[in-house]
Each structure stands twice: as C-alpha cells, then as structure tokens.
N, C-alpha and C. Protein backbone atom coordinates (compact mmCIF):
# COMPACT_ATOMS: atom_id res chain seq x y z
N MET A 1 0.72 -1.07 0.17
CA MET A 1 0.06 -0.07 -0.13
C MET A 1 0.79 1.19 -0.11
N LYS A 2 0.29 1.88 -0.86
CA LYS A 2 1.41 3.54 -1.14
C LYS A 2 -0.01 5.04 0.14
N SER A 3 0.71 5.56 0.81
CA SER A 3 0.36 6.57 1.11
C SER A 3 0.85 7.97 0.17
N ILE A 4 -0.40 8.69 0.27
CA ILE A 4 0.43 9.94 -0.48
C ILE A 4 -0.32 11.24 0.86
N ALA A 5 0.34 12.44 1.44
CA ALA A 5 0.16 12.97 2.28
C ALA A 5 -0.04 14.20 2.05
N PHE A 6 -0.91 15.34 2.06
CA PHE A 6 -1.05 16.52 1.62
C PHE A 6 -0.92 17.41 3.05
N PHE A 7 0.29 18.18 3.27
CA PHE A 7 0.26 18.99 4.74
C PHE A 7 0.52 20.52 4.85
N ASN A 8 0.20 21.22 4.93
CA ASN A 8 0.24 22.73 4.74
C ASN A 8 -0.88 23.54 5.88
N ASN A 9 0.53 24.00 7.12
CA ASN A 9 -0.70 25.13 7.88
C ASN A 9 -1.23 25.88 7.34
N LYS A 10 -0.52 26.73 5.99
CA LYS A 10 -1.51 27.68 5.60
C LYS A 10 -2.45 27.88 5.13
N GLY A 11 -3.73 29.11 5.26
CA GLY A 11 -4.79 28.34 4.67
C GLY A 11 -4.77 28.99 3.35
N GLY A 12 -5.92 28.55 2.76
CA GLY A 12 -5.82 29.44 1.45
C GLY A 12 -5.03 28.67 0.20
N VAL A 13 -4.20 28.05 -0.06
CA VAL A 13 -3.42 27.71 -0.89
C VAL A 13 -3.91 26.60 -1.64
N GLY A 14 -5.25 26.14 -2.07
CA GLY A 14 -5.77 25.02 -2.51
C GLY A 14 -5.67 23.69 -2.17
N LYS A 15 -5.08 23.16 -0.79
CA LYS A 15 -4.75 22.24 -0.46
C LYS A 15 -6.39 21.28 -1.08
N THR A 16 -7.18 21.55 -0.27
CA THR A 16 -8.60 20.94 -0.98
C THR A 16 -9.11 20.31 -2.17
N THR A 17 -8.71 21.64 -2.66
CA THR A 17 -9.81 21.71 -4.47
C THR A 17 -8.22 20.23 -4.78
N LEU A 18 -6.74 20.61 -4.44
CA LEU A 18 -6.22 19.69 -5.37
C LEU A 18 -6.28 17.92 -4.80
N ILE A 19 -6.64 17.67 -3.14
CA ILE A 19 -7.16 16.66 -2.97
C ILE A 19 -8.21 15.97 -3.75
N TYR A 20 -9.02 16.68 -4.12
CA TYR A 20 -10.32 16.70 -4.20
C TYR A 20 -10.24 15.90 -5.79
N HIS A 21 -9.38 16.67 -6.52
CA HIS A 21 -9.11 16.18 -7.71
C HIS A 21 -8.11 15.28 -7.99
N VAL A 22 -7.23 15.09 -7.31
CA VAL A 22 -6.07 14.32 -7.33
C VAL A 22 -6.89 12.78 -7.43
N ALA A 23 -7.88 12.86 -5.75
CA ALA A 23 -8.32 11.84 -5.51
C ALA A 23 -8.69 10.77 -6.77
N TYR A 24 -9.76 11.59 -7.40
CA TYR A 24 -10.86 11.42 -8.58
C TYR A 24 -9.95 10.90 -9.79
N MET A 25 -8.76 11.94 -10.05
CA MET A 25 -7.94 11.44 -11.00
C MET A 25 -7.55 9.99 -10.84
N MET A 26 -6.91 9.90 -9.65
CA MET A 26 -6.22 8.68 -9.15
C MET A 26 -6.99 7.30 -9.17
N ALA A 27 -8.19 7.45 -8.89
CA ALA A 27 -9.42 6.40 -8.69
C ALA A 27 -10.01 6.33 -10.12
N GLU A 28 -10.02 7.18 -11.28
CA GLU A 28 -10.44 7.13 -12.73
C GLU A 28 -8.83 5.95 -13.40
N LEU A 29 -8.08 5.89 -12.55
CA LEU A 29 -6.38 5.32 -13.08
C LEU A 29 -6.33 4.13 -12.83
N GLY A 30 -7.43 3.71 -12.10
CA GLY A 30 -7.70 2.43 -11.08
C GLY A 30 -7.26 1.93 -10.24
N TYR A 31 -6.72 3.09 -9.27
CA TYR A 31 -6.22 3.19 -8.08
C TYR A 31 -7.35 3.01 -6.74
N GLU A 32 -7.11 1.99 -6.14
CA GLU A 32 -7.96 1.98 -4.78
C GLU A 32 -7.38 3.47 -3.89
N VAL A 33 -8.59 4.27 -3.71
CA VAL A 33 -8.13 5.69 -3.13
C VAL A 33 -9.05 5.39 -1.92
N VAL A 34 -8.59 6.07 -0.64
CA VAL A 34 -9.58 6.68 0.63
C VAL A 34 -8.84 7.56 0.61
N VAL A 35 -9.69 8.74 1.15
CA VAL A 35 -9.31 10.43 1.12
C VAL A 35 -9.81 10.32 2.61
N ALA A 36 -8.97 10.60 3.71
CA ALA A 36 -9.47 11.43 5.12
C ALA A 36 -9.11 12.80 5.01
N ASP A 37 -10.53 13.22 5.67
CA ASP A 37 -10.64 14.63 5.75
C ASP A 37 -10.67 14.94 7.18
N LEU A 38 -9.38 15.57 7.53
CA LEU A 38 -8.56 15.48 8.83
C LEU A 38 -8.80 16.91 9.59
N ASP A 39 -9.38 17.64 8.21
CA ASP A 39 -9.41 19.20 8.59
C ASP A 39 -10.96 19.68 9.41
N PRO A 40 -10.56 20.04 10.70
CA PRO A 40 -11.67 20.54 11.21
C PRO A 40 -13.07 21.07 10.74
N GLN A 41 -12.99 21.92 9.69
CA GLN A 41 -13.73 22.79 8.63
C GLN A 41 -14.40 21.67 8.28
N ALA A 42 -14.12 20.46 7.54
CA ALA A 42 -14.78 19.37 7.34
C ALA A 42 -14.82 19.65 5.40
N ASN A 43 -14.52 20.91 4.71
CA ASN A 43 -14.35 21.46 3.36
C ASN A 43 -14.81 19.80 2.36
N LEU A 44 -13.67 19.26 2.42
CA LEU A 44 -13.11 18.18 1.61
C LEU A 44 -14.16 17.04 1.32
N SER A 45 -15.03 16.97 2.93
CA SER A 45 -16.32 16.30 3.01
C SER A 45 -17.56 17.02 2.54
N SER A 46 -17.66 18.02 2.56
CA SER A 46 -18.46 18.80 1.72
C SER A 46 -17.99 18.73 0.13
N MET A 47 -17.15 18.88 -0.39
CA MET A 47 -16.82 18.57 -1.55
C MET A 47 -17.43 17.08 -2.12
N PHE A 48 -17.33 16.36 -1.45
CA PHE A 48 -17.56 14.54 -1.94
C PHE A 48 -19.28 14.69 -1.91
N LEU A 49 -19.54 15.25 -0.61
CA LEU A 49 -21.02 14.90 -0.37
C LEU A 49 -21.63 16.36 -0.35
N SER A 50 -23.01 16.07 -0.71
CA SER A 50 -24.06 17.24 -0.62
C SER A 50 -24.22 17.48 0.84
N GLU A 51 -24.49 18.73 0.88
CA GLU A 51 -25.07 19.15 2.51
C GLU A 51 -25.97 18.41 3.40
N ALA A 52 -26.90 17.90 2.54
CA ALA A 52 -27.70 17.33 3.33
C ALA A 52 -27.31 15.97 3.97
N GLY A 53 -26.27 15.28 2.79
CA GLY A 53 -26.30 14.10 2.62
C GLY A 53 -24.80 13.76 4.05
N LEU A 54 -23.97 14.81 4.11
CA LEU A 54 -22.49 15.24 4.47
C LEU A 54 -23.27 15.06 5.93
N TYR A 55 -24.61 16.23 6.67
CA TYR A 55 -25.29 16.24 8.10
C TYR A 55 -25.59 14.93 8.47
N GLU A 56 -26.13 14.07 7.39
CA GLU A 56 -27.04 13.07 7.28
C GLU A 56 -25.46 11.42 8.19
N LYS A 57 -24.94 11.61 7.72
CA LYS A 57 -23.85 10.81 8.18
C LYS A 57 -23.03 11.27 9.21
N ILE A 58 -22.43 12.87 9.66
CA ILE A 58 -22.35 13.09 10.99
C ILE A 58 -23.40 12.77 11.83
N GLU A 59 -24.90 12.77 11.97
CA GLU A 59 -26.03 12.36 12.88
C GLU A 59 -25.67 10.45 13.27
N ASP A 60 -25.36 10.39 11.87
CA ASP A 60 -25.29 8.53 12.41
C ASP A 60 -24.21 8.11 12.30
N ASN A 61 -23.53 9.24 13.25
CA ASN A 61 -22.28 8.63 13.45
C ASN A 61 -21.17 7.68 13.11
N GLN A 62 -20.83 8.41 11.63
CA GLN A 62 -20.09 8.06 9.95
C GLN A 62 -19.01 8.82 10.16
N SER A 63 -18.88 9.76 11.26
CA SER A 63 -17.30 10.59 10.73
C SER A 63 -16.29 10.27 11.52
N ILE A 64 -15.33 10.83 11.08
CA ILE A 64 -13.68 10.54 11.66
C ILE A 64 -13.93 11.20 13.50
N THR A 65 -14.71 11.58 13.82
CA THR A 65 -14.95 11.96 15.25
C THR A 65 -15.10 10.56 16.54
N GLU A 66 -16.05 9.77 15.47
CA GLU A 66 -16.80 9.00 16.04
C GLU A 66 -16.01 7.52 16.07
N ALA A 67 -14.74 7.85 15.33
CA ALA A 67 -13.55 6.93 15.55
C ALA A 67 -12.22 7.29 16.49
N LEU A 68 -12.29 8.63 16.80
CA LEU A 68 -11.87 9.06 17.96
C LEU A 68 -11.76 8.94 19.01
N LYS A 69 -13.15 9.35 19.58
CA LYS A 69 -13.68 9.57 20.65
C LYS A 69 -13.21 8.38 21.73
N PRO A 70 -12.80 7.18 21.88
CA PRO A 70 -11.94 5.94 22.86
C PRO A 70 -11.15 6.67 23.08
N LEU A 71 -10.07 7.14 21.95
CA LEU A 71 -8.82 7.75 22.16
C LEU A 71 -8.99 8.93 23.01
N VAL A 72 -9.44 10.29 22.49
CA VAL A 72 -9.66 11.22 23.63
C VAL A 72 -10.37 11.11 24.99
N LYS A 73 -11.22 10.25 25.06
CA LYS A 73 -12.04 9.98 26.25
C LYS A 73 -10.90 9.10 27.46
N GLY A 74 -9.97 8.74 26.91
CA GLY A 74 -9.14 7.52 27.41
C GLY A 74 -9.65 6.41 27.32
N THR A 75 -10.93 5.92 27.26
CA THR A 75 -11.30 4.89 27.15
C THR A 75 -10.87 3.73 26.67
N GLY A 76 -9.99 4.16 25.39
CA GLY A 76 -9.11 2.47 24.51
C GLY A 76 -8.76 3.44 23.23
N ASP A 77 -8.55 2.56 22.23
CA ASP A 77 -7.81 2.88 21.52
C ASP A 77 -9.36 3.40 19.93
N ILE A 78 -8.68 3.97 18.96
CA ILE A 78 -9.04 4.53 18.10
C ILE A 78 -10.31 2.92 17.24
N ASN A 79 -11.46 3.69 17.45
CA ASN A 79 -12.41 2.50 16.55
C ASN A 79 -12.31 2.50 15.41
N GLU A 80 -12.56 1.26 14.68
CA GLU A 80 -13.47 1.65 13.11
C GLU A 80 -13.78 2.52 12.76
N VAL A 81 -13.33 2.80 11.97
CA VAL A 81 -13.29 4.20 10.99
C VAL A 81 -14.63 3.94 10.01
N HIS A 82 -15.68 4.62 9.40
CA HIS A 82 -16.72 4.18 8.98
C HIS A 82 -15.97 4.90 7.08
N ILE A 83 -15.98 4.07 6.03
CA ILE A 83 -15.43 4.62 5.10
C ILE A 83 -16.61 4.71 3.82
N GLU A 84 -17.42 6.27 3.71
CA GLU A 84 -18.24 6.30 2.56
C GLU A 84 -17.50 5.96 1.49
N PRO A 85 -18.80 5.51 0.44
CA PRO A 85 -18.07 4.75 -0.95
C PRO A 85 -18.29 6.01 -1.61
N VAL A 86 -17.64 6.81 -2.23
CA VAL A 86 -17.70 8.02 -3.23
C VAL A 86 -18.22 7.29 -4.97
N SER A 87 -17.20 6.43 -4.87
CA SER A 87 -17.66 5.50 -6.55
C SER A 87 -16.91 4.18 -6.36
N GLU A 88 -16.61 3.87 -7.05
CA GLU A 88 -16.24 2.39 -7.36
C GLU A 88 -14.68 1.86 -6.70
N ARG A 89 -13.86 3.19 -7.08
CA ARG A 89 -12.53 2.64 -6.38
C ARG A 89 -12.45 3.92 -5.20
N LEU A 90 -13.40 4.99 -4.80
CA LEU A 90 -12.87 5.99 -4.35
C LEU A 90 -13.96 5.76 -3.00
N GLY A 91 -13.24 5.84 -1.81
CA GLY A 91 -13.88 6.34 -0.75
C GLY A 91 -13.27 7.74 0.21
N LEU A 92 -14.67 7.87 1.55
CA LEU A 92 -14.15 9.26 1.81
C LEU A 92 -14.26 8.90 3.50
N ILE A 93 -13.38 8.99 4.16
CA ILE A 93 -13.61 9.34 5.62
C ILE A 93 -14.16 10.61 6.12
N ILE A 94 -15.49 10.76 6.33
CA ILE A 94 -15.54 12.13 6.56
C ILE A 94 -14.85 12.89 7.62
N GLY A 95 -14.76 13.97 7.77
CA GLY A 95 -14.82 14.85 8.56
C GLY A 95 -15.75 15.49 9.24
N ASN A 96 -15.47 16.46 10.47
CA ASN A 96 -16.56 16.80 10.95
C ASN A 96 -16.21 18.16 12.26
N LEU A 97 -16.84 18.93 11.83
CA LEU A 97 -16.58 20.20 12.76
C LEU A 97 -16.38 19.54 13.91
N GLU A 98 -16.64 19.10 14.29
CA GLU A 98 -15.90 18.39 16.12
C GLU A 98 -14.83 17.90 16.59
N LEU A 99 -14.11 17.99 14.98
CA LEU A 99 -12.59 17.47 15.32
C LEU A 99 -11.71 18.98 16.05
N SER A 100 -12.63 19.93 15.60
CA SER A 100 -11.50 20.91 16.53
C SER A 100 -11.61 21.35 17.79
N ALA A 101 -12.82 20.41 17.97
CA ALA A 101 -13.07 20.32 19.73
C ALA A 101 -11.69 20.01 20.38
N PHE A 102 -11.31 18.55 19.55
CA PHE A 102 -10.33 18.06 20.63
C PHE A 102 -9.06 17.73 19.47
N GLU A 103 -8.76 18.75 18.81
CA GLU A 103 -7.32 18.40 18.07
C GLU A 103 -6.51 19.32 18.78
N ASP A 104 -6.24 19.60 19.73
CA ASP A 104 -5.03 19.94 20.67
C ASP A 104 -4.85 18.96 21.73
N GLU A 105 -6.45 18.15 21.78
CA GLU A 105 -5.60 17.33 22.80
C GLU A 105 -5.29 15.93 21.92
N LEU A 106 -5.69 15.87 20.54
CA LEU A 106 -4.98 14.38 19.67
C LEU A 106 -3.29 15.27 19.72
N SER A 107 -3.30 15.99 19.46
CA SER A 107 -1.69 16.45 18.89
C SER A 107 -0.95 16.06 20.20
N LYS A 108 -1.56 16.25 21.63
CA LYS A 108 -0.78 15.81 22.76
C LYS A 108 -0.37 13.83 22.65
N ASN A 109 -1.47 13.26 22.24
CA ASN A 109 -1.21 11.95 22.51
C ASN A 109 -0.01 11.33 21.25
C-alpha cells in the first residue's frame, strides 16, 4: 500500500481542491483511493457529499470523530472508521466540525 499525504499549515493554498481532483484522477486510473478529511472545517467532505448527505452521515455517527472518541476520552484505542463510498474505487473518511474541539488533545497523544 502506498500513501500520499498533503499537509500545509497555511490556509488558502488550494490543498482541499488539489486533493479532491487528485483523488478522483487516481481512482479513474484504477487505483483504490481513500481520502481522510482531517481538517476541522470538513471542507473536503462537503466537496464529496451533498450538504444534506454530509449532515446525515455525521448524525449517524459515521465521521472521523466517532472513531477517535475512545482515544480522546481515554477509554480505549481508535474505533474502526466508516469509509463512505464515493465511487467504485474512491472512499471518504468523513470530516466533522467536532474535530476542532479536541485537535489540541489529539496532538498531545
């Protein structure tokens, strides 16, 4: 398995748009792609899903925060994460605005 990570603390440089297009292009080339939206603003998730679909998935506890809650609460390890199918070869780990509530805590662990 090969991984590509995009990271930059500077906002407004086009990371979200770049990742969105690269993910679709890699999937179209035949690669199995999973995109993890770890930005507390969840903009990447809102590009892949409709607004209604995004909020429905979050309400159904299918976002990254559900997988991280045991770690943050100190009750266990990370739960299995839901991967939302976007297309045949493309999946999304859905972001959540709640991620900002414990991003400082996550950086300590």
